[in-house]
Amino acid sequence: MIFIGCHLSVTNGYEAMGKQMTEFGGNTFAWFTRNPRGGKAKDIEPEDVKKLQDILEKEEFGKLVAHASYTMNLCSAKPETRANGLDMLQQDLQRMEQVPNQYYNFHPGSHTGQGAEIGIKQIADGLNASLFPEMHTTVLLETMAGKGSEVGKTFEELREIIDRVELKDKLGICLDTCHVWDGGYDIVNDFDGVLTQFDKIIGLDRLKAIHFNDSKNECGAAKDRHEKLGHGCIGMEAMKRIAMHPALQGLPFILETPNDDAGYIKEIATIKDWF
């Protein structure tokens, strides 16, 4: 059994997302906590969330993976951008308490010329100002492709962020297959080796979710261009080995491939057939 799904729109509410993913044949999903390009978050109706939770229990869903806005940058060289990102993070984590015990994933940020070490410190500072002991959400740092001045291309950079955060038990990692491949980790020819490296540097106990994507680029391209499963440089054979790897069983797999609804339904069915 695998927990597999894709990103859904929250426009029609939480119950609607649960129903839609059930119709898609999946048993997890992701959604943006606000517009991916920023803006005000939509109000959450407690009764709507209760109906979603009923669906999750009935259909035996895995963990859900909320996604922060792409504009949230905790390590920009611009103070106003950092302040806006911190405000978004703190608001989102409070709102996630209304959908408890799920994951909140975000791109660590881009240091915009300050250097990775300063970026790492600013990201950790933002997390220390936002995480709180009684929260029921696990915050996931996403592995990045390394384009531009992105922080989080290497496992070592993600580890440095974790080491600087006080409430480490609230942190995990979302491994994006396209991103790590584009970042230089050969998950096609040596996925076991990549996981061994991850375990040594970060610890497999912190690996909480997978963004399951093929890539348009060769390994190490640092470009972050997702592709449909089996249509890219990673390829379907490697994607299948990753999905079925014993170390990843029980984790939510979220498709972020360039698809319409029919495409996602097809990919979900393909992956389920592997099991």
Protein backbone atom coordinates (compact mmCIF):
# COMPACT_ATOMS: atom_id res chain seq x y z
CA MET A 1 0.00 0.00 0.00
CA ILE A 2 1.17 3.52 -0.75
CA PHE A 3 -0.15 6.94 0.25
CA ILE A 4 -0.31 8.80 -3.05
CA GLY A 5 -1.98 12.03 -4.18
CA CYS A 6 -1.39 15.42 -5.75
CA HIS A 7 -1.95 19.13 -5.12
CA LEU A 8 -5.60 20.21 -4.93
CA SER A 9 -7.28 23.60 -4.86
CA VAL A 10 -8.72 24.69 -1.52
CA THR A 11 -11.16 27.06 -3.28
CA ASN A 12 -14.19 24.89 -2.52
CA GLY A 13 -13.09 23.97 0.99
CA TYR A 14 -11.51 21.07 2.83
CA GLU A 15 -14.31 18.53 2.51
CA ALA A 16 -14.29 19.10 -1.25
CA MET A 17 -10.57 18.28 -1.40
CA GLY A 18 -11.12 15.03 0.48
CA LYS A 19 -13.95 14.04 -1.85
CA GLN A 20 -11.94 14.99 -4.94
CA MET A 21 -8.91 12.94 -3.93
CA THR A 22 -11.12 9.96 -3.15
CA GLU A 23 -12.54 10.28 -6.69
CA PHE A 24 -8.97 10.49 -8.02
CA GLY A 25 -8.18 7.18 -6.33
CA GLY A 26 -5.61 8.73 -3.98
CA ASN A 27 -5.27 8.68 -0.21
CA THR A 28 -3.28 11.82 0.59
CA PHE A 29 -3.01 15.28 -0.96
CA ALA A 30 -1.35 18.66 -0.76
CA TRP A 31 -2.79 22.16 -0.84
CA PHE A 32 -1.44 25.69 -0.65
CA THR A 33 -2.20 27.47 2.60
CA ARG A 34 -2.66 30.66 0.56
CA ASN A 35 -2.15 31.71 -3.05
CA PRO A 36 1.19 30.20 -4.19
CA ARG A 37 2.29 33.70 -5.19
CA GLY A 38 1.28 35.25 -1.88
CA GLY A 39 -1.77 37.09 -0.61
CA LYS A 40 -4.31 36.64 2.15
CA ALA A 41 -5.24 33.15 3.29
CA LYS A 42 -8.84 31.97 3.02
CA ASP A 43 -10.76 31.60 6.30
CA ILE A 44 -11.13 28.04 7.60
CA GLU A 45 -14.56 26.76 8.64
CA PRO A 46 -14.33 24.27 11.55
CA GLU A 47 -17.32 22.24 10.30
CA ASP A 48 -15.71 21.95 6.87
CA VAL A 49 -12.50 20.59 8.44
CA LYS A 50 -14.53 18.14 10.56
CA LYS A 51 -16.12 16.75 7.40
CA LEU A 52 -12.69 16.36 5.85
CA GLN A 53 -11.41 14.53 8.93
CA ASP A 54 -14.35 12.12 8.65
CA ILE A 55 -13.29 11.37 5.06
CA LEU A 56 -9.64 10.92 6.05
CA GLU A 57 -10.62 8.39 8.70
CA LYS A 58 -13.15 6.52 6.58
CA GLU A 59 -10.88 6.27 3.53
CA GLU A 60 -7.74 5.59 5.60
CA PHE A 61 -5.74 8.53 4.24
CA GLY A 62 -2.12 9.12 5.12
CA LYS A 63 -0.72 12.42 6.37
CA LEU A 64 -1.58 15.53 4.36
CA VAL A 65 1.09 17.96 3.19
CA ALA A 66 0.16 21.65 3.23
CA HIS A 67 2.48 23.87 1.19
CA ALA A 68 3.55 27.42 2.00
CA SER A 69 3.45 30.22 -0.55
CA TYR A 70 6.41 30.37 -2.92
CA THR A 71 6.84 34.03 -1.99
CA MET A 72 7.63 33.21 1.64
CA ASN A 73 11.36 33.87 1.96
CA LEU A 74 12.85 33.92 5.44
CA CYS A 75 16.36 34.76 4.22
CA SER A 76 15.98 37.52 1.66
CA ALA A 77 18.49 40.36 1.76
CA LYS A 78 15.47 42.70 1.96
CA PRO A 79 14.25 43.12 5.57
CA GLU A 80 10.68 43.78 4.44
CA THR A 81 10.60 40.51 2.49
CA ARG A 82 11.90 38.60 5.51
CA ALA A 83 9.33 40.28 7.75
CA ASN A 84 6.52 39.41 5.32
CA GLY A 85 7.73 35.82 5.17
CA LEU A 86 7.85 35.56 8.94
CA ASP A 87 4.30 36.92 9.16
CA MET A 88 3.08 34.34 6.63
CA LEU A 89 4.82 31.50 8.48
CA GLN A 90 3.40 32.47 11.86
CA GLN A 91 -0.12 32.92 10.49
CA ASP A 92 0.05 29.63 8.60
CA LEU A 93 1.22 27.64 11.63
CA GLN A 94 -1.62 29.04 13.72
CA ARG A 95 -4.09 28.14 10.96
CA MET A 96 -2.66 24.63 10.66
CA GLU A 97 -3.80 24.00 14.22
CA GLN A 98 -7.32 23.91 12.78
CA VAL A 99 -6.24 20.96 10.59
CA PRO A 100 -4.14 19.23 13.26
CA ASN A 101 -1.49 16.53 13.03
CA GLN A 102 -0.56 17.17 9.40
CA TYR A 103 2.57 18.46 7.66
CA TYR A 104 3.46 22.00 6.60
CA ASN A 105 6.09 22.09 3.86
CA PHE A 106 8.07 25.13 2.71
CA HIS A 107 11.02 26.06 0.51
CA PRO A 108 13.74 27.16 2.95
CA GLY A 109 14.41 30.34 0.96
CA SER A 110 16.87 32.17 -1.28
CA HIS A 111 19.66 34.17 0.34
CA THR A 112 19.67 36.65 -2.60
CA GLY A 113 23.41 37.26 -2.47
CA GLN A 114 23.99 37.24 1.28
CA GLY A 115 25.59 33.81 1.23
CA ALA A 116 24.29 30.44 2.39
CA GLU A 117 25.58 30.75 5.97
CA ILE A 118 23.67 33.99 6.59
CA GLY A 119 20.63 32.49 4.87
CA ILE A 120 20.75 29.39 7.07
CA LYS A 121 20.90 31.54 10.21
CA GLN A 122 17.98 33.72 9.10
CA ILE A 123 15.83 30.67 8.25
CA ALA A 124 16.55 29.15 11.65
CA ASP A 125 15.83 32.47 13.36
CA GLY A 126 12.46 32.60 11.59
CA LEU A 127 11.61 29.08 12.70
CA ASN A 128 12.68 29.81 16.28
CA ALA A 129 10.37 32.82 16.28
CA SER A 130 7.44 30.77 14.93
CA LEU A 131 7.46 27.21 16.28
CA PHE A 132 5.73 26.68 19.61
CA PRO A 133 5.78 23.70 21.99
CA GLU A 134 2.07 22.91 21.89
CA MET A 135 1.76 22.90 18.07
CA HIS A 136 0.37 19.75 16.42
CA THR A 137 1.99 20.33 13.01
CA THR A 138 5.34 19.06 11.79
CA VAL A 139 7.16 21.63 9.65
CA LEU A 140 9.01 20.17 6.66
CA LEU A 141 12.05 21.72 5.01
CA GLU A 142 12.00 20.84 1.32
CA THR A 143 15.11 19.64 -0.52
CA MET A 144 15.92 22.17 -3.25
CA ALA A 145 17.48 21.98 -6.73
CA GLY A 146 19.99 24.77 -6.08
CA LYS A 147 18.88 27.23 -8.72
CA GLY A 148 19.90 30.82 -8.12
CA SER A 149 20.68 31.42 -4.44
CA GLU A 150 18.42 28.71 -3.02
CA VAL A 151 19.29 27.37 0.40
CA GLY A 152 18.73 23.65 0.95
CA LYS A 153 20.37 22.14 -2.12
CA THR A 154 22.52 19.87 0.05
CA PHE A 155 21.63 17.65 2.97
CA GLU A 156 24.35 19.46 4.92
CA GLU A 157 22.59 22.84 4.55
CA LEU A 158 19.30 21.36 5.74
CA ARG A 159 21.10 19.80 8.69
CA GLU A 160 22.62 23.17 9.61
CA ILE A 161 19.15 24.72 9.73
CA ILE A 162 17.87 21.92 11.97
CA ASP A 163 20.87 22.23 14.28
CA ARG A 164 20.08 25.92 14.88
CA VAL A 165 16.39 25.36 15.69
CA GLU A 166 15.40 24.91 19.31
CA LEU A 167 12.24 22.81 18.86
CA LYS A 168 13.87 20.18 16.67
CA ASP A 169 11.06 17.69 17.32
CA LYS A 170 8.75 19.92 15.24
CA LEU A 171 10.95 19.62 12.11
CA GLY A 172 11.17 17.10 9.28
CA ILE A 173 12.21 16.90 5.64
CA CYS A 174 10.23 16.61 2.41
CA LEU A 175 12.42 15.00 -0.26
CA ASP A 176 11.60 16.19 -3.78
CA THR A 177 12.84 13.66 -6.33
CA CYS A 178 13.20 16.24 -9.11
CA HIS A 179 15.00 18.67 -6.81
CA VAL A 180 17.55 16.23 -5.39
CA TRP A 181 18.26 14.89 -8.89
CA ASP A 182 18.69 18.39 -10.30
CA GLY A 183 20.78 19.18 -7.22
CA GLY A 184 23.27 16.44 -8.05
CA TYR A 185 22.11 13.38 -6.09
CA ASP A 186 22.04 10.33 -8.39
CA ILE A 187 18.78 8.71 -7.36
CA VAL A 188 18.67 6.71 -10.61
CA ASN A 189 21.88 4.71 -10.25
CA ASP A 190 22.44 4.88 -6.49
CA PHE A 191 19.26 5.64 -4.58
CA ASP A 192 20.40 3.44 -1.70
CA GLY A 193 23.59 5.47 -1.51
CA VAL A 194 21.64 8.74 -1.48
CA LEU A 195 19.43 7.48 1.35
CA THR A 196 22.50 6.30 3.26
CA GLN A 197 23.99 9.77 2.89
CA PHE A 198 20.69 11.34 4.00
CA ASP A 199 20.57 9.06 7.03
CA LYS A 200 24.15 9.87 8.01
CA ILE A 201 23.73 13.64 7.70
CA ILE A 202 20.10 14.25 8.70
CA GLY A 203 18.61 10.93 9.82
CA LEU A 204 15.91 8.91 8.05
CA ASP A 205 13.64 9.48 11.04
CA ARG A 206 13.25 13.07 9.83
CA LEU A 207 12.16 12.06 6.31
CA LYS A 208 8.40 12.62 6.47
CA ALA A 209 7.15 13.14 2.89
CA ILE A 210 8.09 12.73 -0.78
CA HIS A 211 7.41 15.11 -3.66
CA PHE A 212 7.28 12.53 -6.44
CA ASN A 213 8.35 14.07 -9.74
CA ASP A 214 10.38 13.22 -12.81
CA SER A 215 12.79 15.87 -14.15
CA LYS A 216 13.31 17.51 -17.52
CA ASN A 217 17.02 17.86 -16.74
CA GLU A 218 20.15 15.79 -16.34
CA CYS A 219 21.49 15.11 -12.85
CA GLY A 220 23.12 18.20 -11.34
CA ALA A 221 21.50 20.71 -13.71
CA ALA A 222 20.24 22.86 -10.79
CA LYS A 223 17.23 24.01 -12.83
CA ASP A 224 14.13 22.59 -11.05
CA ARG A 225 11.91 21.67 -14.01
CA HIS A 226 9.42 18.94 -13.18
CA GLU A 227 8.26 16.34 -15.69
CA LYS A 228 5.52 13.72 -15.85
CA LEU A 229 6.48 10.32 -14.46
CA GLY A 230 8.48 8.33 -17.00
CA HIS A 231 8.80 11.25 -19.42
CA GLY A 232 11.97 12.76 -17.94
CA CYS A 233 15.60 12.03 -17.16
CA ILE A 234 14.84 10.06 -14.00
CA GLY A 235 12.57 7.63 -15.82
CA MET A 236 9.77 5.30 -14.79
CA GLU A 237 12.00 2.39 -13.75
CA ALA A 238 13.81 4.52 -11.19
CA MET A 239 10.56 6.17 -10.03
CA LYS A 240 9.13 2.71 -9.38
CA ARG A 241 12.19 1.64 -7.38
CA ILE A 242 11.92 4.80 -5.28
CA ALA A 243 8.21 4.39 -4.59
CA MET A 244 8.68 0.76 -3.54
CA HIS A 245 11.81 1.32 -1.44
CA PRO A 246 11.34 -0.23 2.02
CA ALA A 247 12.66 2.88 3.80
CA LEU A 248 9.89 5.07 2.33
CA GLN A 249 6.85 2.96 3.03
CA GLY A 250 4.12 4.78 4.94
CA LEU A 251 5.22 8.24 3.79
CA PRO A 252 2.85 10.48 1.79
CA PHE A 253 3.92 10.75 -1.88
CA ILE A 254 2.74 13.99 -3.49
CA LEU A 255 2.75 14.35 -7.29
CA GLU A 256 3.80 17.78 -8.59
CA THR A 257 4.07 16.71 -12.22
CA PRO A 258 2.82 19.00 -15.05
CA ASN A 259 -0.59 17.37 -15.40
CA ASP A 260 -4.30 18.08 -15.59
CA ASP A 261 -6.78 16.11 -13.47
CA ALA A 262 -6.91 13.22 -15.94
CA GLY A 263 -3.12 13.02 -15.91
CA TYR A 264 -2.99 12.85 -12.13
CA ILE A 265 -5.68 10.16 -12.04
CA LYS A 266 -3.62 8.12 -14.49
CA GLU A 267 -0.38 8.55 -12.53
CA ILE A 268 -2.07 7.66 -9.23
CA ALA A 269 -3.49 4.48 -10.80
CA THR A 270 -0.09 3.57 -12.27
CA ILE A 271 1.65 3.93 -8.92
CA LYS A 272 -1.03 1.96 -7.06
CA ASP A 273 -0.64 -0.87 -9.60
CA TRP A 274 3.00 -1.26 -8.52
CA PHE A 275 1.76 -2.46 -5.14
